[in-house]
Amino acid sequence: NSRRSIRACALCPCSAYDVVMILGRQRQALTDLRIVAEAQQASEPPYQFTEIHLHYIATGRNLDPAKVERAIHLSEDKYCSVAATIKGVATLTHSYEVHQEA
């Protein structure tokens, strides 16, 4: 198995959209959201992903870390169709950090 960073995959923008929309509905002042993805793939064709880890970096003013975490869970467990599809094939994990702006 190889481990590599994914620069672009359908999972990141799908989940990012959900997280931004959820935090907006919660009136959180999100100013930036980045997602760094790392994945492990099978060594034989079709090189399917076996593990994917998303690291969310949320920046904003007075962001509530609990709301950020909840938005991520809602995206991955309920709203993101890409996550729902991937979970049947690969293990999906995540972590996050919140940066506060003045």
PDB file of N, CA and C in Angstrom:
ATOM      1  N   ASN A   1       0.834  -1.191   0.000  1.00  0.00           N
ATOM      2  CA  ASN A   1       0.000   0.000   0.000  1.00  0.00           C
ATOM      3  C   ASN A   1       0.874   1.248   0.000  1.00  0.00           C
ATOM      4  N   SER A   2       0.440   2.250  -0.712  1.00  0.00           N
ATOM      5  CA  SER A   2       1.181   3.503  -0.732  1.00  0.00           C
ATOM      6  C   SER A   2       0.366   4.587  -0.053  1.00  0.00           C
ATOM      7  N   ARG A   3       1.062   5.551   0.524  1.00  0.00           N
ATOM      8  CA  ARG A   3       0.389   6.669   1.184  1.00  0.00           C
ATOM      9  C   ARG A   3       0.767   7.920   0.428  1.00  0.00           C
ATOM     10  N   ARG A   4      -0.214   8.697   0.058  1.00  0.00           N
ATOM     11  CA  ARG A   4       0.088   9.913  -0.681  1.00  0.00           C
ATOM     12  C   ARG A   4      -0.933  10.995  -0.375  1.00  0.00           C
ATOM     13  N   SER A   5      -0.533  12.205  -0.607  1.00  0.00           N
ATOM     14  CA  SER A   5      -1.422  13.340  -0.410  1.00  0.00           C
ATOM     15  C   SER A   5      -2.274  13.505  -1.663  1.00  0.00           C
ATOM     16  N   ILE A   6      -3.529  13.778  -1.451  1.00  0.00           N
ATOM     17  CA  ILE A   6      -4.440  13.968  -2.575  1.00  0.00           C
ATOM     18  C   ILE A   6      -4.615  15.465  -2.777  1.00  0.00           C
ATOM     19  N   ARG A   7      -4.285  15.964  -3.930  1.00  0.00           N
ATOM     20  CA  ARG A   7      -4.422  17.403  -4.170  1.00  0.00           C
ATOM     21  C   ARG A   7      -5.864  17.756  -4.543  1.00  0.00           C
ATOM     22  N   ALA A   8      -6.488  16.916  -5.243  1.00  0.00           N
ATOM     23  CA  ALA A   8      -7.869  17.202  -5.626  1.00  0.00           C
ATOM     24  C   ALA A   8      -8.645  15.891  -5.671  1.00  0.00           C
ATOM     25  N   CYS A   9      -9.714  15.840  -4.945  1.00  0.00           N
ATOM     26  CA  CYS A   9     -10.596  14.682  -5.032  1.00  0.00           C
ATOM     27  C   CYS A   9     -12.012  15.183  -4.781  1.00  0.00           C
ATOM     28  N   ALA A  10     -12.972  14.457  -5.218  1.00  0.00           N
ATOM     29  CA  ALA A  10     -14.364  14.887  -5.103  1.00  0.00           C
ATOM     30  C   ALA A  10     -14.821  15.018  -3.656  1.00  0.00           C
ATOM     31  N   LEU A  11     -14.198  14.275  -2.750  1.00  0.00           N
ATOM     32  CA  LEU A  11     -14.612  14.304  -1.353  1.00  0.00           C
ATOM     33  C   LEU A  11     -14.393  15.669  -0.712  1.00  0.00           C
ATOM     34  N   CYS A  12     -13.259  16.299  -0.985  1.00  0.00           N
ATOM     35  CA  CYS A  12     -12.938  17.576  -0.337  1.00  0.00           C
ATOM     36  C   CYS A  12     -13.936  18.691  -0.675  1.00  0.00           C
ATOM     37  N   PRO A  13     -14.200  18.969  -1.944  1.00  0.00           N
ATOM     38  CA  PRO A  13     -15.162  20.040  -2.224  1.00  0.00           C
ATOM     39  C   PRO A  13     -16.590  19.703  -1.792  1.00  0.00           C
ATOM     40  N   CYS A  14     -16.951  18.443  -1.845  1.00  0.00           N
ATOM     41  CA  CYS A  14     -18.288  18.039  -1.417  1.00  0.00           C
ATOM     42  C   CYS A  14     -18.471  18.324   0.074  1.00  0.00           C
ATOM     43  N   SER A  15     -17.525  17.894   0.876  1.00  0.00           N
ATOM     44  CA  SER A  15     -17.619  18.116   2.316  1.00  0.00           C
ATOM     45  C   SER A  15     -17.444  19.588   2.664  1.00  0.00           C
ATOM     46  N   ALA A  16     -16.533  20.274   1.972  1.00  0.00           N
ATOM     47  CA  ALA A  16     -16.312  21.700   2.239  1.00  0.00           C
ATOM     48  C   ALA A  16     -17.600  22.491   2.018  1.00  0.00           C
ATOM     49  N   TYR A  17     -18.304  22.196   0.944  1.00  0.00           N
ATOM     50  CA  TYR A  17     -19.567  22.889   0.665  1.00  0.00           C
ATOM     51  C   TYR A  17     -20.540  22.708   1.827  1.00  0.00           C
ATOM     52  N   ASP A  18     -20.678  21.480   2.276  1.00  0.00           N
ATOM     53  CA  ASP A  18     -21.595  21.200   3.387  1.00  0.00           C
ATOM     54  C   ASP A  18     -21.190  21.958   4.645  1.00  0.00           C
ATOM     55  N   VAL A  19     -19.910  21.893   5.000  1.00  0.00           N
ATOM     56  CA  VAL A  19     -19.437  22.531   6.229  1.00  0.00           C
ATOM     57  C   VAL A  19     -19.663  24.041   6.171  1.00  0.00           C
ATOM     58  N   VAL A  20     -19.360  24.659   5.042  1.00  0.00           N
ATOM     59  CA  VAL A  20     -19.574  26.105   4.893  1.00  0.00           C
ATOM     60  C   VAL A  20     -21.057  26.447   5.033  1.00  0.00           C
ATOM     61  N   MET A  21     -21.917  25.676   4.392  1.00  0.00           N
ATOM     62  CA  MET A  21     -23.359  25.946   4.463  1.00  0.00           C
ATOM     63  C   MET A  21     -23.892  25.749   5.889  1.00  0.00           C
ATOM     64  N   ILE A  22     -23.473  24.688   6.551  1.00  0.00           N
ATOM     65  CA  ILE A  22     -23.946  24.410   7.916  1.00  0.00           C
ATOM     66  C   ILE A  22     -23.492  25.504   8.866  1.00  0.00           C
ATOM     67  N   LEU A  23     -22.221  25.889   8.789  1.00  0.00           N
ATOM     68  CA  LEU A  23     -21.721  26.946   9.680  1.00  0.00           C
ATOM     69  C   LEU A  23     -22.392  28.286   9.375  1.00  0.00           C
ATOM     70  N   GLY A  24     -22.703  28.533   8.119  1.00  0.00           N
ATOM     71  CA  GLY A  24     -23.426  29.757   7.759  1.00  0.00           C
ATOM     72  C   GLY A  24     -24.807  29.791   8.387  1.00  0.00           C
ATOM     73  N   ARG A  25     -25.503  28.658   8.366  1.00  0.00           N
ATOM     74  CA  ARG A  25     -26.823  28.582   8.991  1.00  0.00           C
ATOM     75  C   ARG A  25     -26.733  28.760  10.504  1.00  0.00           C
ATOM     76  N   GLN A  26     -25.582  28.396  11.074  1.00  0.00           N
ATOM     77  CA  GLN A  26     -25.382  28.551  12.517  1.00  0.00           C
ATOM     78  C   GLN A  26     -24.814  29.934  12.864  1.00  0.00           C
ATOM     79  N   ARG A  27     -24.755  30.795  11.877  1.00  0.00           N
ATOM     80  CA  ARG A  27     -24.260  32.174  12.032  1.00  0.00           C
ATOM     81  C   ARG A  27     -22.830  32.234  12.564  1.00  0.00           C
ATOM     82  N   GLN A  28     -22.024  31.280  12.101  1.00  0.00           N
ATOM     83  CA  GLN A  28     -20.605  31.290  12.444  1.00  0.00           C
ATOM     84  C   GLN A  28     -19.865  32.101  11.382  1.00  0.00           C
ATOM     85  N   ALA A  29     -18.960  32.975  11.821  1.00  0.00           N
ATOM     86  CA  ALA A  29     -18.244  33.880  10.914  1.00  0.00           C
ATOM     87  C   ALA A  29     -17.002  33.186  10.342  1.00  0.00           C
ATOM     88  N   LEU A  30     -17.231  32.212   9.487  1.00  0.00           N
ATOM     89  CA  LEU A  30     -16.159  31.477   8.840  1.00  0.00           C
ATOM     90  C   LEU A  30     -15.589  32.334   7.716  1.00  0.00           C
ATOM     91  N   THR A  31     -14.268  32.525   7.693  1.00  0.00           N
ATOM     92  CA  THR A  31     -13.641  33.305   6.630  1.00  0.00           C
ATOM     93  C   THR A  31     -12.786  32.452   5.701  1.00  0.00           C
ATOM     94  N   ASP A  32     -12.411  31.262   6.148  1.00  0.00           N
ATOM     95  CA  ASP A  32     -11.598  30.383   5.307  1.00  0.00           C
ATOM     96  C   ASP A  32     -11.762  28.941   5.783  1.00  0.00           C
ATOM     97  N   LEU A  33     -11.805  28.033   4.839  1.00  0.00           N
ATOM     98  CA  LEU A  33     -11.845  26.613   5.162  1.00  0.00           C
ATOM     99  C   LEU A  33     -10.940  25.892   4.179  1.00  0.00           C
ATOM    100  N   ARG A  34      -9.971  25.182   4.719  1.00  0.00           N
ATOM    101  CA  ARG A  34      -9.081  24.361   3.896  1.00  0.00           C
ATOM    102  C   ARG A  34      -9.201  22.921   4.372  1.00  0.00           C
ATOM    103  N   ILE A  35      -9.072  22.013   3.437  1.00  0.00           N
ATOM    104  CA  ILE A  35      -9.085  20.592   3.777  1.00  0.00           C
ATOM    105  C   ILE A  35      -7.849  19.961   3.150  1.00  0.00           C
ATOM    106  N   VAL A  36      -7.058  19.317   3.986  1.00  0.00           N
ATOM    107  CA  VAL A  36      -5.886  18.586   3.518  1.00  0.00           C
ATOM    108  C   VAL A  36      -6.243  17.109   3.602  1.00  0.00           C
ATOM    109  N   ALA A  37      -6.096  16.416   2.487  1.00  0.00           N
ATOM    110  CA  ALA A  37      -6.464  14.999   2.433  1.00  0.00           C
ATOM    111  C   ALA A  37      -5.227  14.137   2.256  1.00  0.00           C
ATOM    112  N   GLU A  38      -5.193  13.056   2.996  1.00  0.00           N
ATOM    113  CA  GLU A  38      -4.168  12.030   2.812  1.00  0.00           C
ATOM    114  C   GLU A  38      -4.892  10.711   2.641  1.00  0.00           C
ATOM    115  N   ALA A  39      -4.344   9.882   1.777  1.00  0.00           N
ATOM    116  CA  ALA A  39      -5.025   8.618   1.510  1.00  0.00           C
ATOM    117  C   ALA A  39      -4.031   7.487   1.325  1.00  0.00           C
ATOM    118  N   GLN A  40      -4.544   6.317   1.569  1.00  0.00           N
ATOM    119  CA  GLN A  40      -3.773   5.104   1.317  1.00  0.00           C
ATOM    120  C   GLN A  40      -4.520   4.351   0.226  1.00  0.00           C
ATOM    121  N   GLN A  41      -3.759   3.883  -0.758  1.00  0.00           N
ATOM    122  CA  GLN A  41      -4.351   3.166  -1.877  1.00  0.00           C
ATOM    123  C   GLN A  41      -3.793   1.751  -1.954  1.00  0.00           C
ATOM    124  N   ALA A  42      -4.583   0.885  -2.540  1.00  0.00           N
ATOM    125  CA  ALA A  42      -4.131  -0.482  -2.793  1.00  0.00           C
ATOM    126  C   ALA A  42      -2.976  -0.437  -3.796  1.00  0.00           C
ATOM    127  N   SER A  43      -2.088  -1.401  -3.707  1.00  0.00           N
ATOM    128  CA  SER A  43      -0.909  -1.413  -4.575  1.00  0.00           C
ATOM    129  C   SER A  43      -1.171  -2.021  -5.955  1.00  0.00           C
ATOM    130  N   GLU A  44      -2.331  -2.639  -6.107  1.00  0.00           N
ATOM    131  CA  GLU A  44      -2.682  -3.264  -7.388  1.00  0.00           C
ATOM    132  C   GLU A  44      -3.839  -2.514  -8.046  1.00  0.00           C
ATOM    133  N   PRO A  45      -3.894  -2.529  -9.392  1.00  0.00           N
ATOM    134  CA  PRO A  45      -5.019  -1.890 -10.078  1.00  0.00           C
ATOM    135  C   PRO A  45      -6.340  -2.465  -9.586  1.00  0.00           C
ATOM    136  N   PRO A  46      -7.364  -1.699  -9.420  1.00  0.00           N
ATOM    137  CA  PRO A  46      -7.520  -0.307  -9.853  1.00  0.00           C
ATOM    138  C   PRO A  46      -7.052   0.720  -8.824  1.00  0.00           C
ATOM    139  N   TYR A  47      -6.176   0.363  -7.910  1.00  0.00           N
ATOM    140  CA  TYR A  47      -5.579   1.278  -6.930  1.00  0.00           C
ATOM    141  C   TYR A  47      -6.636   2.007  -6.099  1.00  0.00           C
ATOM    142  N   GLN A  48      -7.655   1.283  -5.685  1.00  0.00           N
ATOM    143  CA  GLN A  48      -8.739   1.901  -4.917  1.00  0.00           C
ATOM    144  C   GLN A  48      -8.208   2.438  -3.584  1.00  0.00           C
ATOM    145  N   PHE A  49      -8.873   3.463  -3.098  1.00  0.00           N
ATOM    146  CA  PHE A  49      -8.511   4.023  -1.800  1.00  0.00           C
ATOM    147  C   PHE A  49      -8.969   3.060  -0.707  1.00  0.00           C
ATOM    148  N   THR A  50      -8.106   2.840   0.269  1.00  0.00           N
ATOM    149  CA  THR A  50      -8.454   1.980   1.389  1.00  0.00           C
ATOM    150  C   THR A  50      -8.650   2.784   2.663  1.00  0.00           C
ATOM    151  N   GLU A  51      -7.957   3.917   2.766  1.00  0.00           N
ATOM    152  CA  GLU A  51      -8.099   4.820   3.911  1.00  0.00           C
ATOM    153  C   GLU A  51      -7.964   6.257   3.417  1.00  0.00           C
ATOM    154  N   ILE A  52      -8.826   7.121   3.931  1.00  0.00           N
ATOM    155  CA  ILE A  52      -8.744   8.552   3.605  1.00  0.00           C
ATOM    156  C   ILE A  52      -8.885   9.326   4.904  1.00  0.00           C
ATOM    157  N   HIS A  53      -7.964  10.248   5.122  1.00  0.00           N
ATOM    158  CA  HIS A  53      -8.022  11.119   6.298  1.00  0.00           C
ATOM    159  C   HIS A  53      -8.123  12.562   5.816  1.00  0.00           C
ATOM    160  N   LEU A  54      -9.139  13.273   6.303  1.00  0.00           N
ATOM    161  CA  LEU A  54      -9.313  14.684   5.982  1.00  0.00           C
ATOM    162  C   LEU A  54      -8.965  15.521   7.210  1.00  0.00           C
ATOM    163  N   HIS A  55      -8.156  16.537   7.009  1.00  0.00           N
ATOM    164  CA  HIS A  55      -7.832  17.472   8.084  1.00  0.00           C
ATOM    165  C   HIS A  55      -8.405  18.827   7.696  1.00  0.00           C
ATOM    166  N   TYR A  56      -9.401  19.271   8.450  1.00  0.00           N
ATOM    167  CA  TYR A  56     -10.089  20.534   8.197  1.00  0.00           C
ATOM    168  C   TYR A  56      -9.387  21.647   8.963  1.00  0.00           C
ATOM    169  N   ILE A  57      -9.156  22.775   8.302  1.00  0.00           N
ATOM    170  CA  ILE A  57      -8.575  23.951   8.936  1.00  0.00           C
ATOM    171  C   ILE A  57      -9.570  25.087   8.734  1.00  0.00           C
ATOM    172  N   ALA A  58     -10.284  25.418   9.811  1.00  0.00           N
ATOM    173  CA  ALA A  58     -11.327  26.447   9.759  1.00  0.00           C
ATOM    174  C   ALA A  58     -10.796  27.733  10.392  1.00  0.00           C
ATOM    175  N   THR A  59     -11.004  28.847   9.704  1.00  0.00           N
ATOM    176  CA  THR A  59     -10.584  30.151  10.207  1.00  0.00           C
ATOM    177  C   THR A  59     -11.790  31.067  10.222  1.00  0.00           C
ATOM    178  N   GLY A  60     -11.906  31.865  11.274  1.00  0.00           N
ATOM    179  CA  GLY A  60     -13.012  32.810  11.350  1.00  0.00           C
ATOM    180  C   GLY A  60     -12.965  33.626  12.619  1.00  0.00           C
ATOM    181  N   ARG A  61     -14.011  34.392  12.808  1.00  0.00           N
ATOM    182  CA  ARG A  61     -14.123  35.252  13.981  1.00  0.00           C
ATOM    183  C   ARG A  61     -15.068  34.620  14.993  1.00  0.00           C
ATOM    184  N   ASN A  62     -14.558  34.373  16.186  1.00  0.00           N
ATOM    185  CA  ASN A  62     -15.342  33.778  17.271  1.00  0.00           C
ATOM    186  C   ASN A  62     -15.984  32.443  16.876  1.00  0.00           C
ATOM    187  N   LEU A  63     -15.250  31.645  16.128  1.00  0.00           N
ATOM    188  CA  LEU A  63     -15.770  30.329  15.740  1.00  0.00           C
ATOM    189  C   LEU A  63     -15.891  29.440  16.971  1.00  0.00           C
ATOM    190  N   ASP A  64     -16.993  28.754  17.060  1.00  0.00           N
ATOM    191  CA  ASP A  64     -17.226  27.803  18.136  1.00  0.00           C
ATOM    192  C   ASP A  64     -16.690  26.442  17.667  1.00  0.00           C
ATOM    193  N   PRO A  65     -15.604  25.939  18.273  1.00  0.00           N
ATOM    194  CA  PRO A  65     -15.045  24.656  17.843  1.00  0.00           C
ATOM    195  C   PRO A  65     -16.060  23.511  17.863  1.00  0.00           C
ATOM    196  N   ALA A  66     -16.980  23.520  18.801  1.00  0.00           N
ATOM    197  CA  ALA A  66     -17.996  22.461  18.862  1.00  0.00           C
ATOM    198  C   ALA A  66     -18.903  22.507  17.631  1.00  0.00           C
ATOM    199  N   LYS A  67     -19.208  23.696  17.147  1.00  0.00           N
ATOM    200  CA  LYS A  67     -20.042  23.826  15.950  1.00  0.00           C
ATOM    201  C   LYS A  67     -19.280  23.407  14.701  1.00  0.00           C
ATOM    202  N   VAL A  68     -17.991  23.695  14.669  1.00  0.00           N
ATOM    203  CA  VAL A  68     -17.169  23.256  13.547  1.00  0.00           C
ATOM    204  C   VAL A  68     -17.142  21.725  13.514  1.00  0.00           C
ATOM    205  N   GLU A  69     -16.899  21.114  14.655  1.00  0.00           N
ATOM    206  CA  GLU A  69     -16.865  19.654  14.726  1.00  0.00           C
ATOM    207  C   GLU A  69     -18.211  19.058  14.317  1.00  0.00           C
ATOM    208  N   ARG A  70     -19.298  19.632  14.776  1.00  0.00           N
ATOM    209  CA  ARG A  70     -20.633  19.128  14.431  1.00  0.00           C
ATOM    210  C   ARG A  70     -20.897  19.259  12.930  1.00  0.00           C
ATOM    211  N   ALA A  71     -20.479  20.369  12.349  1.00  0.00           N
ATOM    212  CA  ALA A  71     -20.673  20.569  10.906  1.00  0.00           C
ATOM    213  C   ALA A  71     -19.916  19.508  10.107  1.00  0.00           C
ATOM    214  N   ILE A  72     -18.717  19.189  10.547  1.00  0.00           N
ATOM    215  CA  ILE A  72     -17.928  18.148   9.876  1.00  0.00           C
ATOM    216  C   ILE A  72     -18.630  16.799   9.982  1.00  0.00           C
ATOM    217  N   HIS A  73     -19.092  16.460  11.176  1.00  0.00           N
ATOM    218  CA  HIS A  73     -19.802  15.186  11.358  1.00  0.00           C
ATOM    219  C   HIS A  73     -21.069  15.131  10.506  1.00  0.00           C
ATOM    220  N   LEU A  74     -21.831  16.208  10.481  1.00  0.00           N
ATOM    221  CA  LEU A  74     -23.052  16.220   9.670  1.00  0.00           C
ATOM    222  C   LEU A  74     -22.726  16.022   8.195  1.00  0.00           C
ATOM    223  N   SER A  75     -21.675  16.685   7.743  1.00  0.00           N
ATOM    224  CA  SER A  75     -21.285  16.530   6.347  1.00  0.00           C
ATOM    225  C   SER A  75     -20.919  15.080   6.051  1.00  0.00           C
ATOM    226  N   GLU A  76     -20.002  14.533   6.826  1.00  0.00           N
ATOM    227  CA  GLU A  76     -19.495  13.191   6.543  1.00  0.00           C
ATOM    228  C   GLU A  76     -20.532  12.091   6.783  1.00  0.00           C
ATOM    229  N   ASP A  77     -21.429  12.294   7.749  1.00  0.00           N
ATOM    230  CA  ASP A  77     -22.373  11.236   8.111  1.00  0.00           C
ATOM    231  C   ASP A  77     -23.752  11.370   7.473  1.00  0.00           C
ATOM    232  N   LYS A  78     -24.092  12.587   7.006  1.00  0.00           N
ATOM    233  CA  LYS A  78     -25.467  12.776   6.545  1.00  0.00           C
ATOM    234  C   LYS A  78     -25.588  13.400   5.149  1.00  0.00           C
ATOM    235  N   TYR A  79     -24.822  14.431   4.858  1.00  0.00           N
ATOM    236  CA  TYR A  79     -25.075  15.214   3.653  1.00  0.00           C
ATOM    237  C   TYR A  79     -24.179  14.931   2.455  1.00  0.00           C
ATOM    238  N   CYS A  80     -22.932  14.600   2.665  1.00  0.00           N
ATOM    239  CA  CYS A  80     -21.987  14.454   1.555  1.00  0.00           C
ATOM    240  C   CYS A  80     -22.171  13.105   0.854  1.00  0.00           C
ATOM    241  N   SER A  81     -22.646  13.150  -0.377  1.00  0.00           N
ATOM    242  CA  SER A  81     -22.885  11.908  -1.122  1.00  0.00           C
ATOM    243  C   SER A  81     -21.576  11.197  -1.463  1.00  0.00           C
ATOM    244  N   VAL A  82     -20.505  11.954  -1.635  1.00  0.00           N
ATOM    245  CA  VAL A  82     -19.212  11.330  -1.929  1.00  0.00           C
ATOM    246  C   VAL A  82     -18.728  10.549  -0.712  1.00  0.00           C
ATOM    247  N   ALA A  83     -18.854  11.136   0.485  1.00  0.00           N
ATOM    248  CA  ALA A  83     -18.456  10.440   1.716  1.00  0.00           C
ATOM    249  C   ALA A  83     -19.280   9.169   1.893  1.00  0.00           C
ATOM    250  N   ALA A  84     -20.566   9.249   1.612  1.00  0.00           N
ATOM    251  CA  ALA A  84     -21.430   8.072   1.750  1.00  0.00           C
ATOM    252  C   ALA A  84     -20.991   6.958   0.812  1.00  0.00           C
ATOM    253  N   THR A  85     -20.560   7.309  -0.378  1.00  0.00           N
ATOM    254  CA  THR A  85     -20.105   6.323  -1.352  1.00  0.00           C
ATOM    255  C   THR A  85     -18.764   5.727  -0.940  1.00  0.00           C
ATOM    256  N   ILE A  86     -17.849   6.575  -0.491  1.00  0.00           N
ATOM    257  CA  ILE A  86     -16.506   6.129  -0.116  1.00  0.00           C
ATOM    258  C   ILE A  86     -16.539   5.241   1.120  1.00  0.00           C
ATOM    259  N   LYS A  87     -17.407   5.559   2.075  1.00  0.00           N
ATOM    260  CA  LYS A  87     -17.453   4.787   3.317  1.00  0.00           C
ATOM    261  C   LYS A  87     -17.735   3.310   3.079  1.00  0.00           C
ATOM    262  N   GLY A  88     -18.359   2.976   1.982  1.00  0.00           N
ATOM    263  CA  GLY A  88     -18.614   1.580   1.680  1.00  0.00           C
ATOM    264  C   GLY A  88     -17.377   0.837   1.213  1.00  0.00           C
ATOM    265  N   VAL A  89     -16.330   1.589   0.864  1.00  0.00           N
ATOM    266  CA  VAL A  89     -15.128   0.990   0.292  1.00  0.00           C
ATOM    267  C   VAL A  89     -13.879   1.265   1.131  1.00  0.00           C
ATOM    268  N   ALA A  90     -13.783   2.482   1.665  1.00  0.00           N
ATOM    269  CA  ALA A  90     -12.580   2.900   2.386  1.00  0.00           C
ATOM    270  C   ALA A  90     -12.942   3.413   3.772  1.00  0.00           C
ATOM    271  N   THR A  91     -11.972   3.386   4.661  1.00  0.00           N
ATOM    272  CA  THR A  91     -12.139   3.958   5.997  1.00  0.00           C
ATOM    273  C   THR A  91     -11.928   5.463   5.892  1.00  0.00           C
ATOM    274  N   LEU A  92     -12.879   6.232   6.389  1.00  0.00           N
ATOM    275  CA  LEU A  92     -12.812   7.693   6.337  1.00  0.00           C
ATOM    276  C   LEU A  92     -12.657   8.230   7.754  1.00  0.00           C
ATOM    277  N   THR A  93     -11.597   9.002   7.992  1.00  0.00           N
ATOM    278  CA  THR A  93     -11.360   9.630   9.288  1.00  0.00           C
ATOM    279  C   THR A  93     -11.121  11.114   9.071  1.00  0.00           C
ATOM    280  N   HIS A  94     -11.186  11.871  10.176  1.00  0.00           N
ATOM    281  CA  HIS A  94     -10.914  13.299  10.047  1.00  0.00           C
ATOM    282  C   HIS A  94     -10.346  13.863  11.346  1.00  0.00           C
ATOM    283  N   SER A  95      -9.778  15.036  11.215  1.00  0.00           N
ATOM    284  CA  SER A  95      -9.340  15.845  12.344  1.00  0.00           C
ATOM    285  C   SER A  95      -9.591  17.288  11.933  1.00  0.00           C
ATOM    286  N   TYR A  96      -9.479  18.194  12.893  1.00  0.00           N
ATOM    287  CA  TYR A  96      -9.713  19.590  12.547  1.00  0.00           C
ATOM    288  C   TYR A  96      -8.967  20.510  13.494  1.00  0.00           C
ATOM    289  N   GLU A  97      -8.790  21.731  13.039  1.00  0.00           N
ATOM    290  CA  GLU A  97      -8.260  22.788  13.890  1.00  0.00           C
ATOM    291  C   GLU A  97      -9.026  24.061  13.571  1.00  0.00           C
ATOM    292  N   VAL A  98      -9.144  24.909  14.585  1.00  0.00           N
ATOM    293  CA  VAL A  98      -9.872  26.167  14.426  1.00  0.00           C
ATOM    294  C   VAL A  98      -8.905  27.304  14.722  1.00  0.00           C
ATOM    295  N   HIS A  99      -8.846  28.251  13.802  1.00  0.00           N
ATOM    296  CA  HIS A  99      -8.008  29.445  13.975  1.00  0.00           C
ATOM    297  C   HIS A  99      -8.936  30.647  14.113  1.00  0.00           C
ATOM    298  N   GLN A 100      -8.689  31.435  15.127  1.00  0.00           N
ATOM    299  CA  GLN A 100      -9.523  32.618  15.383  1.00  0.00           C
ATOM    300  C   GLN A 100      -8.878  33.858  14.791  1.00  0.00           C
ATOM    301  N   GLU A 101      -9.687  34.685  14.136  1.00  0.00           N
ATOM    302  CA  GLU A 101      -9.235  35.977  13.654  1.00  0.00           C
ATOM    303  C   GLU A 101      -9.667  37.045  14.640  1.00  0.00           C
ATOM    304  N   ALA A 102      -8.934  38.135  14.670  1.00  0.00           N
ATOM    305  CA  ALA A 102      -9.284  39.244  15.575  1.00  0.00           C
ATOM    306  C   ALA A 102     -10.485  40.008  15.085  1.00  0.00           C
TER     307      ALA A 102
END
